[in-house]
């Protein structure tokens, strides 16, 4: 305990017991006046007062030690008060008992509200999870119907249907990440194979936008979750395709770092520090009017859970570089 805290405790103790101290000195004064009226010797008066002060000092010292102990106990409990009120010091008087009952009432009400909120959230997650899975059936049916016709209209519709499918995938990913459990399964995977799988998914968009792809050889094994890392790569590719009008997208590896570069419109410098914040869309998103700010937020959440990280470098009009650092956390492979 620092000297400042010790002085603060002494001050608070004296402030709380000021009435008792004033009464003590008042009684001592009355005692001295009465003794003087009977012309008793001053030595006897002073001696009796000294004895009273000594006894009072001992009692106050013991009480102050108990006061400090209770203060420390309350400070320790404040760190775990959300877990309950067990361990509170025993109430010393009726008023403290009243405060204890009030705290228990508040704790019970808090638990009731938290339980109701958890149930509502669980019901909502169940509903949207069911919806996201059910919507996949008509999406798959529409994709089969569109594949039976080869025309500019069918290709455009198929591209839009692909975006709908991506948004459904994003909803499911959001629900899983925000839930109490996840389905992570770590293992050794070829980085190039993971990237190629996502590139094949987005191949129609490369063709539609007439963008080039420079995919370097990446003989890099990584310890990660295949599905979730592919989700991140897909989100980054989607952003690159969305904001690149001409030029190409380059993908390569630098050691354990996956680099995805584009020649798109770039990102404003003031927006870069906030990329990945929930709901933040930046200047590009405000111009587009369709961005949700959810994609990069989910990417950062996923990478954090995987033990990876992401850095974004960009310059307006000159493109964007996303670096996904796939450092290996100490995880058990399956």
C-alpha atoms as a PDB file:
ATOM      1  CA  UNK A   1       0.000   0.000   0.000  1.00  0.00           C
ATOM      2  CA  UNK A   2       1.416   3.393  -0.991  1.00  0.00           C
ATOM      3  CA  UNK A   3       1.751   6.307   1.420  1.00  0.00           C
ATOM      4  CA  UNK A   4      -0.933   8.181  -0.505  1.00  0.00           C
ATOM      5  CA  UNK A   5      -3.412   5.327  -0.136  1.00  0.00           C
ATOM      6  CA  UNK A   6      -2.530   4.936   3.539  1.00  0.00           C
ATOM      7  CA  UNK A   7      -3.154   8.635   4.187  1.00  0.00           C
ATOM      8  CA  UNK A   8      -6.411   8.431   2.273  1.00  0.00           C
ATOM      9  CA  UNK A   9      -7.563   5.522   4.426  1.00  0.00           C
ATOM     10  CA  UNK A  10      -6.657   7.361   7.635  1.00  0.00           C
ATOM     11  CA  UNK A  11      -8.520  10.463   6.452  1.00  0.00           C
ATOM     12  CA  UNK A  12     -11.630   8.443   5.509  1.00  0.00           C
ATOM     13  CA  UNK A  13     -11.559   6.576   8.819  1.00  0.00           C
ATOM     14  CA  UNK A  14     -11.337   9.803  10.820  1.00  0.00           C
ATOM     15  CA  UNK A  15     -14.059  11.407   8.701  1.00  0.00           C
ATOM     16  CA  UNK A  16     -16.425   8.475   9.323  1.00  0.00           C
ATOM     17  CA  UNK A  17     -15.726   8.528  13.086  1.00  0.00           C
ATOM     18  CA  UNK A  18     -15.620  12.295  13.564  1.00  0.00           C
ATOM     19  CA  UNK A  19     -18.764  12.329  15.712  1.00  0.00           C
ATOM     20  CA  UNK A  20     -17.326   9.740  18.082  1.00  0.00           C
ATOM     21  CA  UNK A  21     -14.031  11.609  18.329  1.00  0.00           C
ATOM     22  CA  UNK A  22     -15.792  14.931  18.996  1.00  0.00           C
ATOM     23  CA  UNK A  23     -17.860  13.294  21.743  1.00  0.00           C
ATOM     24  CA  UNK A  24     -14.711  11.827  23.300  1.00  0.00           C
ATOM     25  CA  UNK A  25     -12.981  15.205  23.460  1.00  0.00           C
ATOM     26  CA  UNK A  26     -16.191  16.854  24.694  1.00  0.00           C
ATOM     27  CA  UNK A  27     -16.492  14.343  27.526  1.00  0.00           C
ATOM     28  CA  UNK A  28     -12.793  14.812  28.339  1.00  0.00           C
ATOM     29  CA  UNK A  29     -13.347  18.561  28.540  1.00  0.00           C
ATOM     30  CA  UNK A  30     -16.377  18.117  30.821  1.00  0.00           C
ATOM     31  CA  UNK A  31     -14.348  15.709  32.937  1.00  0.00           C
ATOM     32  CA  UNK A  32     -11.546  18.284  33.266  1.00  0.00           C
ATOM     33  CA  UNK A  33     -13.947  21.122  34.117  1.00  0.00           C
ATOM     34  CA  UNK A  34     -15.718  19.085  36.811  1.00  0.00           C
ATOM     35  CA  UNK A  35     -12.394  18.065  38.359  1.00  0.00           C
ATOM     36  CA  UNK A  36     -11.191  21.672  38.388  1.00  0.00           C
ATOM     37  CA  UNK A  37     -14.391  22.805  40.123  1.00  0.00           C
ATOM     38  CA  UNK A  38     -13.547  20.501  43.039  1.00  0.00           C
ATOM     39  CA  UNK A  39     -10.000  21.861  43.116  1.00  0.00           C
ATOM     40  CA  UNK A  40      -8.438  18.500  42.497  1.00  0.00           C
ATOM     41  CA  UNK A  41      -4.778  18.339  41.604  1.00  0.00           C
ATOM     42  CA  UNK A  42      -4.018  18.846  37.896  1.00  0.00           C
ATOM     43  CA  UNK A  43      -1.728  15.828  37.909  1.00  0.00           C
ATOM     44  CA  UNK A  44      -4.633  13.515  38.745  1.00  0.00           C
ATOM     45  CA  UNK A  45      -6.762  15.045  35.983  1.00  0.00           C
ATOM     46  CA  UNK A  46      -4.011  14.752  33.374  1.00  0.00           C
ATOM     47  CA  UNK A  47      -3.181  11.209  34.449  1.00  0.00           C
ATOM     48  CA  UNK A  48      -6.799  10.062  34.105  1.00  0.00           C
ATOM     49  CA  UNK A  49      -7.067  11.776  30.704  1.00  0.00           C
ATOM     50  CA  UNK A  50      -3.876  10.091  29.538  1.00  0.00           C
ATOM     51  CA  UNK A  51      -5.249   6.695  30.557  1.00  0.00           C
ATOM     52  CA  UNK A  52      -8.475   7.399  28.629  1.00  0.00           C
ATOM     53  CA  UNK A  53      -6.502   8.498  25.570  1.00  0.00           C
ATOM     54  CA  UNK A  54      -4.313   5.383  25.718  1.00  0.00           C
ATOM     55  CA  UNK A  55      -7.312   3.070  25.976  1.00  0.00           C
ATOM     56  CA  UNK A  56      -9.103   4.968  23.210  1.00  0.00           C
ATOM     57  CA  UNK A  57      -5.985   4.823  21.028  1.00  0.00           C
ATOM     58  CA  UNK A  58      -5.714   1.042  21.408  1.00  0.00           C
ATOM     59  CA  UNK A  59      -9.400   0.570  20.581  1.00  0.00           C
ATOM     60  CA  UNK A  60      -9.177   2.923  17.586  1.00  0.00           C
ATOM     61  CA  UNK A  61      -6.021   1.188  16.358  1.00  0.00           C
ATOM     62  CA  UNK A  62      -7.668  -2.232  16.420  1.00  0.00           C
ATOM     63  CA  UNK A  63     -10.787  -0.845  14.755  1.00  0.00           C
ATOM     64  CA  UNK A  64      -8.686   0.898  12.093  1.00  0.00           C
ATOM     65  CA  UNK A  65      -6.831  -2.364  11.323  1.00  0.00           C
ATOM     66  CA  UNK A  66     -10.206  -4.072  10.874  1.00  0.00           C
ATOM     67  CA  UNK A  67     -11.330  -1.163   8.663  1.00  0.00           C
ATOM     68  CA  UNK A  68      -8.235  -1.554   6.435  1.00  0.00           C
ATOM     69  CA  UNK A  69      -8.767  -5.315   6.202  1.00  0.00           C
ATOM     70  CA  UNK A  70     -12.388  -4.857   5.107  1.00  0.00           C
ATOM     71  CA  UNK A  71     -11.301  -2.244   2.559  1.00  0.00           C
ATOM     72  CA  UNK A  72      -8.739  -4.616   1.008  1.00  0.00           C
ATOM     73  CA  UNK A  73     -11.306  -7.428   0.906  1.00  0.00           C
ATOM     74  CA  UNK A  74     -13.799  -5.202  -0.891  1.00  0.00           C
ATOM     75  CA  UNK A  75     -11.166  -4.194  -3.439  1.00  0.00           C
ATOM     76  CA  UNK A  76     -10.389  -7.860  -4.137  1.00  0.00           C
ATOM     77  CA  UNK A  77     -14.073  -8.645  -4.579  1.00  0.00           C
ATOM     78  CA  UNK A  78     -14.615  -5.739  -6.977  1.00  0.00           C
ATOM     79  CA  UNK A  79     -12.560  -7.587  -9.602  1.00  0.00           C
ATOM     80  CA  UNK A  80     -14.943 -10.558  -9.554  1.00  0.00           C
ATOM     81  CA  UNK A  81     -18.234  -8.922  -8.586  1.00  0.00           C
ATOM     82  CA  UNK A  82     -19.823 -10.089 -11.867  1.00  0.00           C
ATOM     83  CA  UNK A  83     -19.524 -13.676 -10.622  1.00  0.00           C
ATOM     84  CA  UNK A  84     -21.652 -13.023  -7.564  1.00  0.00           C
ATOM     85  CA  UNK A  85     -21.651 -11.511  -4.112  1.00  0.00           C
ATOM     86  CA  UNK A  86     -20.161 -14.462  -2.264  1.00  0.00           C
ATOM     87  CA  UNK A  87     -17.250 -13.535  -0.031  1.00  0.00           C
ATOM     88  CA  UNK A  88     -18.550 -10.132   1.048  1.00  0.00           C
ATOM     89  CA  UNK A  89     -17.429  -9.175   4.561  1.00  0.00           C
ATOM     90  CA  UNK A  90     -20.067  -9.874   7.175  1.00  0.00           C
ATOM     91  CA  UNK A  91     -22.380  -6.934   7.827  1.00  0.00           C
ATOM     92  CA  UNK A  92     -21.504  -5.192  11.088  1.00  0.00           C
ATOM     93  CA  UNK A  93     -24.791  -3.372  11.683  1.00  0.00           C
ATOM     94  CA  UNK A  94     -28.361  -3.021  10.471  1.00  0.00           C
ATOM     95  CA  UNK A  95     -27.517  -0.417   7.808  1.00  0.00           C
ATOM     96  CA  UNK A  96     -24.816  -2.639   6.310  1.00  0.00           C
ATOM     97  CA  UNK A  97     -27.303  -5.505   6.282  1.00  0.00           C
ATOM     98  CA  UNK A  98     -29.733  -3.276   4.370  1.00  0.00           C
ATOM     99  CA  UNK A  99     -27.013  -2.473   1.806  1.00  0.00           C
ATOM    100  CA  UNK A 100     -26.181  -6.173   1.496  1.00  0.00           C
ATOM    101  CA  UNK A 101     -29.831  -7.021   0.793  1.00  0.00           C
ATOM    102  CA  UNK A 102     -29.963  -4.227  -1.790  1.00  0.00           C
ATOM    103  CA  UNK A 103     -26.874  -5.583  -3.548  1.00  0.00           C
ATOM    104  CA  UNK A 104     -28.287  -9.097  -3.595  1.00  0.00           C
ATOM    105  CA  UNK A 105     -31.520  -7.781  -5.085  1.00  0.00           C
ATOM    106  CA  UNK A 106     -29.619  -5.937  -7.790  1.00  0.00           C
ATOM    107  CA  UNK A 107     -27.515  -9.037  -8.509  1.00  0.00           C
ATOM    108  CA  UNK A 108     -30.633 -11.210  -8.853  1.00  0.00           C
ATOM    109  CA  UNK A 109     -32.223  -8.701 -11.221  1.00  0.00           C
ATOM    110  CA  UNK A 110     -29.035  -8.487 -13.264  1.00  0.00           C
ATOM    111  CA  UNK A 111     -28.896 -12.284 -13.564  1.00  0.00           C
ATOM    112  CA  UNK A 112     -32.544 -12.389 -14.648  1.00  0.00           C
ATOM    113  CA  UNK A 113     -32.002  -9.755 -17.338  1.00  0.00           C
ATOM    114  CA  UNK A 114     -28.791 -11.433 -18.548  1.00  0.00           C
ATOM    115  CA  UNK A 115     -30.514 -14.821 -18.775  1.00  0.00           C
ATOM    116  CA  UNK A 116     -33.407 -13.357 -20.748  1.00  0.00           C
ATOM    117  CA  UNK A 117     -31.005 -11.538 -23.090  1.00  0.00           C
ATOM    118  CA  UNK A 118     -28.961 -14.703 -23.645  1.00  0.00           C
ATOM    119  CA  UNK A 119     -32.121 -16.634 -24.483  1.00  0.00           C
ATOM    120  CA  UNK A 120     -33.293 -13.968 -26.947  1.00  0.00           C
ATOM    121  CA  UNK A 121     -29.864 -13.886 -28.583  1.00  0.00           C
ATOM    122  CA  UNK A 122     -29.795 -17.677 -28.811  1.00  0.00           C
ATOM    123  CA  UNK A 123     -33.239 -17.705 -30.435  1.00  0.00           C
ATOM    124  CA  UNK A 124     -32.144 -15.038 -32.909  1.00  0.00           C
ATOM    125  CA  UNK A 125     -28.970 -16.934 -33.813  1.00  0.00           C
ATOM    126  CA  UNK A 126     -30.961 -20.133 -34.309  1.00  0.00           C
ATOM    127  CA  UNK A 127     -33.440 -18.351 -36.573  1.00  0.00           C
ATOM    128  CA  UNK A 128     -30.847 -16.665 -38.784  1.00  0.00           C
ATOM    129  CA  UNK A 129     -28.724 -19.794 -38.949  1.00  0.00           C
ATOM    130  CA  UNK A 130     -31.773 -21.746 -40.139  1.00  0.00           C
ATOM    131  CA  UNK A 131     -32.612 -19.013 -42.642  1.00  0.00           C
ATOM    132  CA  UNK A 132     -29.061 -18.934 -44.025  1.00  0.00           C
ATOM    133  CA  UNK A 133     -29.057 -22.705 -44.523  1.00  0.00           C
ATOM    134  CA  UNK A 134     -32.517 -22.754 -46.095  1.00  0.00           C
ATOM    135  CA  UNK A 135     -31.708 -19.972 -48.563  1.00  0.00           C
ATOM    136  CA  UNK A 136     -28.895 -22.097 -49.976  1.00  0.00           C
ATOM    137  CA  UNK A 137     -31.444 -24.455 -51.593  1.00  0.00           C
ATOM    138  CA  UNK A 138     -33.066 -21.892 -53.956  1.00  0.00           C
ATOM    139  CA  UNK A 139     -29.619 -20.421 -54.694  1.00  0.00           C
ATOM    140  CA  UNK A 140     -28.356 -23.826 -55.800  1.00  0.00           C
ATOM    141  CA  UNK A 141     -31.517 -24.392 -57.876  1.00  0.00           C
ATOM    142  CA  UNK A 142     -31.150 -21.016 -59.634  1.00  0.00           C
ATOM    143  CA  UNK A 143     -27.487 -21.726 -60.364  1.00  0.00           C
ATOM    144  CA  UNK A 144     -28.414 -25.042 -62.048  1.00  0.00           C
ATOM    145  CA  UNK A 145     -31.104 -23.316 -64.132  1.00  0.00           C
ATOM    146  CA  UNK A 146     -28.730 -20.572 -65.239  1.00  0.00           C
ATOM    147  CA  UNK A 147     -26.058 -23.072 -66.252  1.00  0.00           C
ATOM    148  CA  UNK A 148     -28.490 -24.554 -68.775  1.00  0.00           C
ATOM    149  CA  UNK A 149     -28.319 -21.338 -70.794  1.00  0.00           C
ATOM    150  CA  UNK A 150     -25.219 -19.579 -72.130  1.00  0.00           C
ATOM    151  CA  UNK A 151     -25.954 -15.928 -72.794  1.00  0.00           C
ATOM    152  CA  UNK A 152     -24.835 -12.515 -71.605  1.00  0.00           C
ATOM    153  CA  UNK A 153     -27.929 -12.282 -69.414  1.00  0.00           C
ATOM    154  CA  UNK A 154     -27.431 -15.707 -67.828  1.00  0.00           C
ATOM    155  CA  UNK A 155     -23.766 -14.937 -67.130  1.00  0.00           C
ATOM    156  CA  UNK A 156     -24.690 -11.608 -65.542  1.00  0.00           C
ATOM    157  CA  UNK A 157     -27.377 -13.284 -63.432  1.00  0.00           C
ATOM    158  CA  UNK A 158     -24.951 -16.006 -62.391  1.00  0.00           C
ATOM    159  CA  UNK A 159     -22.425 -13.354 -61.312  1.00  0.00           C
ATOM    160  CA  UNK A 160     -25.067 -11.627 -59.196  1.00  0.00           C
ATOM    161  CA  UNK A 161     -26.163 -14.974 -57.769  1.00  0.00           C
ATOM    162  CA  UNK A 162     -22.543 -15.616 -56.774  1.00  0.00           C
ATOM    163  CA  UNK A 163     -22.574 -12.352 -54.807  1.00  0.00           C
ATOM    164  CA  UNK A 164     -25.806 -13.398 -53.063  1.00  0.00           C
ATOM    165  CA  UNK A 165     -24.159 -16.687 -52.140  1.00  0.00           C
ATOM    166  CA  UNK A 166     -21.170 -14.793 -50.736  1.00  0.00           C
ATOM    167  CA  UNK A 167     -23.408 -12.611 -48.573  1.00  0.00           C
ATOM    168  CA  UNK A 168     -25.140 -15.694 -47.179  1.00  0.00           C
ATOM    169  CA  UNK A 169     -21.721 -17.175 -46.433  1.00  0.00           C
ATOM    170  CA  UNK A 170     -20.772 -13.946 -44.669  1.00  0.00           C
ATOM    171  CA  UNK A 171     -23.915 -14.101 -42.520  1.00  0.00           C
ATOM    172  CA  UNK A 172     -23.157 -17.674 -41.493  1.00  0.00           C
ATOM    173  CA  UNK A 173     -19.553 -16.779 -40.687  1.00  0.00           C
ATOM    174  CA  UNK A 174     -20.691 -13.821 -38.604  1.00  0.00           C
ATOM    175  CA  UNK A 175     -23.145 -15.976 -36.660  1.00  0.00           C
ATOM    176  CA  UNK A 176     -20.517 -18.631 -35.977  1.00  0.00           C
ATOM    177  CA  UNK A 177     -17.919 -16.107 -34.825  1.00  0.00           C
ATOM    178  CA  UNK A 178     -20.361 -14.251 -32.587  1.00  0.00           C
ATOM    179  CA  UNK A 179     -21.637 -17.496 -31.066  1.00  0.00           C
ATOM    180  CA  UNK A 180     -20.323 -19.296 -28.004  1.00  0.00           C
ATOM    181  CA  UNK A 181     -18.656 -22.074 -30.010  1.00  0.00           C
ATOM    182  CA  UNK A 182     -16.629 -22.325 -33.214  1.00  0.00           C
ATOM    183  CA  UNK A 183     -15.782 -25.160 -35.569  1.00  0.00           C
ATOM    184  CA  UNK A 184     -12.057 -24.555 -35.952  1.00  0.00           C
ATOM    185  CA  UNK A 185     -10.032 -27.562 -37.058  1.00  0.00           C
ATOM    186  CA  UNK A 186      -6.314 -26.903 -37.409  1.00  0.00           C
ATOM    187  CA  UNK A 187      -3.998 -28.849 -39.667  1.00  0.00           C
ATOM    188  CA  UNK A 188      -1.095 -28.562 -42.106  1.00  0.00           C
ATOM    189  CA  UNK A 189      -2.184 -27.208 -45.481  1.00  0.00           C
ATOM    190  CA  UNK A 190      -0.551 -26.037 -48.693  1.00  0.00           C
ATOM    191  CA  UNK A 191      -0.972 -22.267 -48.955  1.00  0.00           C
ATOM    192  CA  UNK A 192      -0.936 -22.418 -52.760  1.00  0.00           C
ATOM    193  CA  UNK A 193      -3.725 -24.993 -52.814  1.00  0.00           C
ATOM    194  CA  UNK A 194      -5.906 -22.875 -50.529  1.00  0.00           C
ATOM    195  CA  UNK A 195      -5.339 -19.789 -52.683  1.00  0.00           C
ATOM    196  CA  UNK A 196      -6.036 -21.645 -55.931  1.00  0.00           C
ATOM    197  CA  UNK A 197      -9.352 -22.947 -54.588  1.00  0.00           C
ATOM    198  CA  UNK A 198     -10.506 -19.407 -53.881  1.00  0.00           C
ATOM    199  CA  UNK A 199      -9.181 -18.092 -57.196  1.00  0.00           C
ATOM    200  CA  UNK A 200     -11.222 -20.747 -59.027  1.00  0.00           C
ATOM    201  CA  UNK A 201     -14.343 -19.597 -57.163  1.00  0.00           C
ATOM    202  CA  UNK A 202     -13.774 -16.027 -58.296  1.00  0.00           C
ATOM    203  CA  UNK A 203     -12.633 -16.900 -61.839  1.00  0.00           C
ATOM    204  CA  UNK A 204     -15.938 -15.755 -63.449  1.00  0.00           C
ATOM    205  CA  UNK A 205     -15.492 -12.313 -61.907  1.00  0.00           C
ATOM    206  CA  UNK A 206     -11.933 -12.064 -63.255  1.00  0.00           C
ATOM    207  CA  UNK A 207     -13.269 -12.897 -66.719  1.00  0.00           C
ATOM    208  CA  UNK A 208     -16.254 -10.575 -66.399  1.00  0.00           C
ATOM    209  CA  UNK A 209     -14.113  -7.603 -65.357  1.00  0.00           C
ATOM    210  CA  UNK A 210     -11.286  -8.530 -67.765  1.00  0.00           C
ATOM    211  CA  UNK A 211      -8.685  -8.384 -65.026  1.00  0.00           C
ATOM    212  CA  UNK A 212      -5.372 -10.193 -65.123  1.00  0.00           C
ATOM    213  CA  UNK A 213      -4.163 -12.573 -62.437  1.00  0.00           C
ATOM    214  CA  UNK A 214      -0.504 -13.072 -61.559  1.00  0.00           C
ATOM    215  CA  UNK A 215      -0.420 -16.074 -59.227  1.00  0.00           C
ATOM    216  CA  UNK A 216       3.120 -16.889 -58.112  1.00  0.00           C
ATOM    217  CA  UNK A 217       4.274 -20.298 -56.970  1.00  0.00           C
ATOM    218  CA  UNK A 218       3.899 -20.662 -53.210  1.00  0.00           C
ATOM    219  CA  UNK A 219       5.492 -23.771 -51.789  1.00  0.00           C
ATOM    220  CA  UNK A 220       4.542 -22.828 -48.237  1.00  0.00           C
ATOM    221  CA  UNK A 221       2.928 -25.205 -45.720  1.00  0.00           C
ATOM    222  CA  UNK A 222       0.860 -23.441 -43.072  1.00  0.00           C
ATOM    223  CA  UNK A 223      -0.749 -24.514 -39.817  1.00  0.00           C
ATOM    224  CA  UNK A 224      -4.283 -23.169 -39.972  1.00  0.00           C
ATOM    225  CA  UNK A 225      -7.956 -23.944 -40.418  1.00  0.00           C
ATOM    226  CA  UNK A 226      -8.603 -24.461 -44.128  1.00  0.00           C
ATOM    227  CA  UNK A 227     -12.208 -23.275 -44.248  1.00  0.00           C
ATOM    228  CA  UNK A 228     -11.691 -20.121 -42.244  1.00  0.00           C
ATOM    229  CA  UNK A 229      -8.447 -19.083 -43.943  1.00  0.00           C
ATOM    230  CA  UNK A 230     -10.142 -19.598 -47.311  1.00  0.00           C
ATOM    231  CA  UNK A 231     -12.931 -17.347 -46.079  1.00  0.00           C
ATOM    232  CA  UNK A 232     -10.393 -14.597 -45.360  1.00  0.00           C
ATOM    233  CA  UNK A 233      -8.640 -15.023 -48.714  1.00  0.00           C
ATOM    234  CA  UNK A 234     -12.009 -14.905 -50.462  1.00  0.00           C
ATOM    235  CA  UNK A 235     -12.989 -11.677 -48.705  1.00  0.00           C
ATOM    236  CA  UNK A 236      -9.704 -10.010 -49.645  1.00  0.00           C
ATOM    237  CA  UNK A 237     -10.029 -11.187 -53.269  1.00  0.00           C
ATOM    238  CA  UNK A 238     -13.602  -9.925 -53.366  1.00  0.00           C
ATOM    239  CA  UNK A 239     -12.513  -6.454 -52.194  1.00  0.00           C
ATOM    240  CA  UNK A 240      -9.684  -6.380 -54.751  1.00  0.00           C
ATOM    241  CA  UNK A 241     -12.059  -7.331 -57.560  1.00  0.00           C
ATOM    242  CA  UNK A 242     -14.655  -4.843 -56.388  1.00  0.00           C
ATOM    243  CA  UNK A 243     -12.338  -1.836 -56.361  1.00  0.00           C
ATOM    244  CA  UNK A 244     -10.082  -2.707 -59.311  1.00  0.00           C
ATOM    245  CA  UNK A 245     -11.298  -1.422 -62.684  1.00  0.00           C
ATOM    246  CA  UNK A 246      -8.260  -2.223 -64.810  1.00  0.00           C
ATOM    247  CA  UNK A 247      -4.898  -3.891 -64.405  1.00  0.00           C
ATOM    248  CA  UNK A 248      -4.343  -7.084 -62.457  1.00  0.00           C
ATOM    249  CA  UNK A 249      -4.255  -8.798 -59.091  1.00  0.00           C
ATOM    250  CA  UNK A 250      -0.975 -10.325 -57.946  1.00  0.00           C
ATOM    251  CA  UNK A 251      -0.749 -13.058 -55.319  1.00  0.00           C
ATOM    252  CA  UNK A 252       2.517 -14.328 -53.856  1.00  0.00           C
ATOM    253  CA  UNK A 253       4.168 -15.374 -50.616  1.00  0.00           C
ATOM    254  CA  UNK A 254       7.037 -13.871 -48.639  1.00  0.00           C
ATOM    255  CA  UNK A 255       8.020 -16.575 -46.205  1.00  0.00           C
ATOM    256  CA  UNK A 256       4.940 -17.215 -44.045  1.00  0.00           C
ATOM    257  CA  UNK A 257       3.199 -14.068 -45.298  1.00  0.00           C
ATOM    258  CA  UNK A 258       0.568 -14.184 -48.035  1.00  0.00           C
ATOM    259  CA  UNK A 259       0.504 -11.004 -50.130  1.00  0.00           C
ATOM    260  CA  UNK A 260      -2.451  -9.958 -52.316  1.00  0.00           C
ATOM    261  CA  UNK A 261      -1.870  -6.828 -54.401  1.00  0.00           C
ATOM    262  CA  UNK A 262      -4.191  -5.036 -56.789  1.00  0.00           C
ATOM    263  CA  UNK A 263      -4.047  -2.028 -59.088  1.00  0.00           C
ATOM    264  CA  UNK A 264      -7.341  -0.621 -57.891  1.00  0.00           C
ATOM    265  CA  UNK A 265      -8.482   2.777 -56.699  1.00  0.00           C
ATOM    266  CA  UNK A 266      -6.639   2.483 -53.383  1.00  0.00           C
ATOM    267  CA  UNK A 267      -7.652   3.591 -49.905  1.00  0.00           C
ATOM    268  CA  UNK A 268      -7.485   7.022 -48.303  1.00  0.00           C
ATOM    269  CA  UNK A 269      -4.630   7.230 -45.736  1.00  0.00           C
ATOM    270  CA  UNK A 270      -6.991   8.369 -42.968  1.00  0.00           C
ATOM    271  CA  UNK A 271      -9.171   5.285 -43.488  1.00  0.00           C
ATOM    272  CA  UNK A 272      -6.431   2.651 -43.183  1.00  0.00           C
ATOM    273  CA  UNK A 273      -6.111   2.673 -39.343  1.00  0.00           C
ATOM    274  CA  UNK A 274      -9.861   2.059 -39.008  1.00  0.00           C
ATOM    275  CA  UNK A 275     -10.155  -0.739 -41.545  1.00  0.00           C
ATOM    276  CA  UNK A 276     -11.507  -3.810 -39.833  1.00  0.00           C
ATOM    277  CA  UNK A 277     -13.571  -1.903 -37.288  1.00  0.00           C
ATOM    278  CA  UNK A 278     -17.118  -3.184 -37.161  1.00  0.00           C
ATOM    279  CA  UNK A 279     -19.350  -1.241 -39.557  1.00  0.00           C
ATOM    280  CA  UNK A 280     -16.584   1.050 -40.881  1.00  0.00           C
ATOM    281  CA  UNK A 281     -16.757   1.410 -44.682  1.00  0.00           C
ATOM    282  CA  UNK A 282     -14.407   4.310 -45.400  1.00  0.00           C
ATOM    283  CA  UNK A 283     -14.576   6.765 -48.283  1.00  0.00           C
ATOM    284  CA  UNK A 284     -14.773   3.986 -50.879  1.00  0.00           C
ATOM    285  CA  UNK A 285     -17.685   2.334 -49.107  1.00  0.00           C
ATOM    286  CA  UNK A 286     -19.576   5.608 -48.822  1.00  0.00           C
ATOM    287  CA  UNK A 287     -19.185   6.193 -52.548  1.00  0.00           C
ATOM    288  CA  UNK A 288     -20.261   2.638 -53.337  1.00  0.00           C
ATOM    289  CA  UNK A 289     -23.329   2.871 -51.022  1.00  0.00           C
ATOM    290  CA  UNK A 290     -23.418  -0.954 -50.833  1.00  0.00           C
ATOM    291  CA  UNK A 291     -20.542  -1.719 -48.476  1.00  0.00           C
ATOM    292  CA  UNK A 292     -21.419  -2.956 -44.988  1.00  0.00           C
ATOM    293  CA  UNK A 293     -18.003  -2.770 -43.311  1.00  0.00           C
ATOM    294  CA  UNK A 294     -18.475  -6.364 -42.197  1.00  0.00           C
ATOM    295  CA  UNK A 295     -16.022  -8.184 -44.497  1.00  0.00           C
ATOM    296  CA  UNK A 296     -12.717  -6.893 -43.121  1.00  0.00           C
ATOM    297  CA  UNK A 297     -14.099  -6.940 -39.591  1.00  0.00           C
ATOM    298  CA  UNK A 298     -14.793 -10.670 -39.941  1.00  0.00           C
ATOM    299  CA  UNK A 299     -11.367 -11.185 -41.513  1.00  0.00           C
ATOM    300  CA  UNK A 300      -9.592  -9.633 -38.546  1.00  0.00           C
ATOM    301  CA  UNK A 301     -11.745 -11.574 -36.088  1.00  0.00           C
ATOM    302  CA  UNK A 302     -11.021 -14.858 -37.877  1.00  0.00           C
ATOM    303  CA  UNK A 303      -7.285 -14.202 -38.179  1.00  0.00           C
ATOM    304  CA  UNK A 304      -7.037 -13.317 -34.495  1.00  0.00           C
ATOM    305  CA  UNK A 305      -8.722 -16.593 -33.533  1.00  0.00           C
ATOM    306  CA  UNK A 306      -6.409 -18.482 -35.904  1.00  0.00           C
ATOM    307  CA  UNK A 307      -3.307 -16.861 -34.419  1.00  0.00           C
ATOM    308  CA  UNK A 308      -2.621 -14.917 -37.641  1.00  0.00           C
ATOM    309  CA  UNK A 309      -2.645 -11.196 -38.440  1.00  0.00           C
ATOM    310  CA  UNK A 310      -3.276  -8.822 -41.313  1.00  0.00           C
ATOM    311  CA  UNK A 311      -1.761  -5.526 -42.436  1.00  0.00           C
ATOM    312  CA  UNK A 312      -3.043  -3.252 -45.221  1.00  0.00           C
ATOM    313  CA  UNK A 313      -0.953  -0.800 -47.237  1.00  0.00           C
ATOM    314  CA  UNK A 314      -2.463   1.426 -49.877  1.00  0.00           C
ATOM    315  CA  UNK A 315      -2.136   4.641 -51.854  1.00  0.00           C
ATOM    316  CA  UNK A 316      -5.073   6.310 -53.598  1.00  0.00           C
ATOM    317  CA  UNK A 317      -5.001   5.671 -57.343  1.00  0.00           C
ATOM    318  CA  UNK A 318      -2.121   3.174 -57.097  1.00  0.00           C
ATOM    319  CA  UNK A 319      -3.712   0.094 -55.566  1.00  0.00           C
ATOM    320  CA  UNK A 320      -3.723  -1.819 -52.307  1.00  0.00           C
ATOM    321  CA  UNK A 321      -1.519  -4.483 -50.741  1.00  0.00           C
ATOM    322  CA  UNK A 322      -2.900  -6.855 -48.107  1.00  0.00           C
ATOM    323  CA  UNK A 323      -0.377  -8.886 -46.127  1.00  0.00           C
ATOM    324  CA  UNK A 324      -1.690 -11.887 -44.185  1.00  0.00           C
ATOM    325  CA  UNK A 325       0.926 -13.083 -41.711  1.00  0.00           C
ATOM    326  CA  UNK A 326       0.447 -16.807 -41.119  1.00  0.00           C
ATOM    327  CA  UNK A 327       2.755 -17.246 -38.183  1.00  0.00           C
ATOM    328  CA  UNK A 328       2.157 -20.512 -36.407  1.00  0.00           C
ATOM    329  CA  UNK A 329       0.599 -20.447 -32.986  1.00  0.00           C
ATOM    330  CA  UNK A 330       1.285 -23.335 -30.607  1.00  0.00           C
ATOM    331  CA  UNK A 331      -1.718 -25.400 -31.603  1.00  0.00           C
ATOM    332  CA  UNK A 332      -2.526 -29.069 -31.786  1.00  0.00           C
ATOM    333  CA  UNK A 333      -2.962 -30.324 -35.351  1.00  0.00           C
ATOM    334  CA  UNK A 334      -5.684 -32.748 -36.358  1.00  0.00           C
END
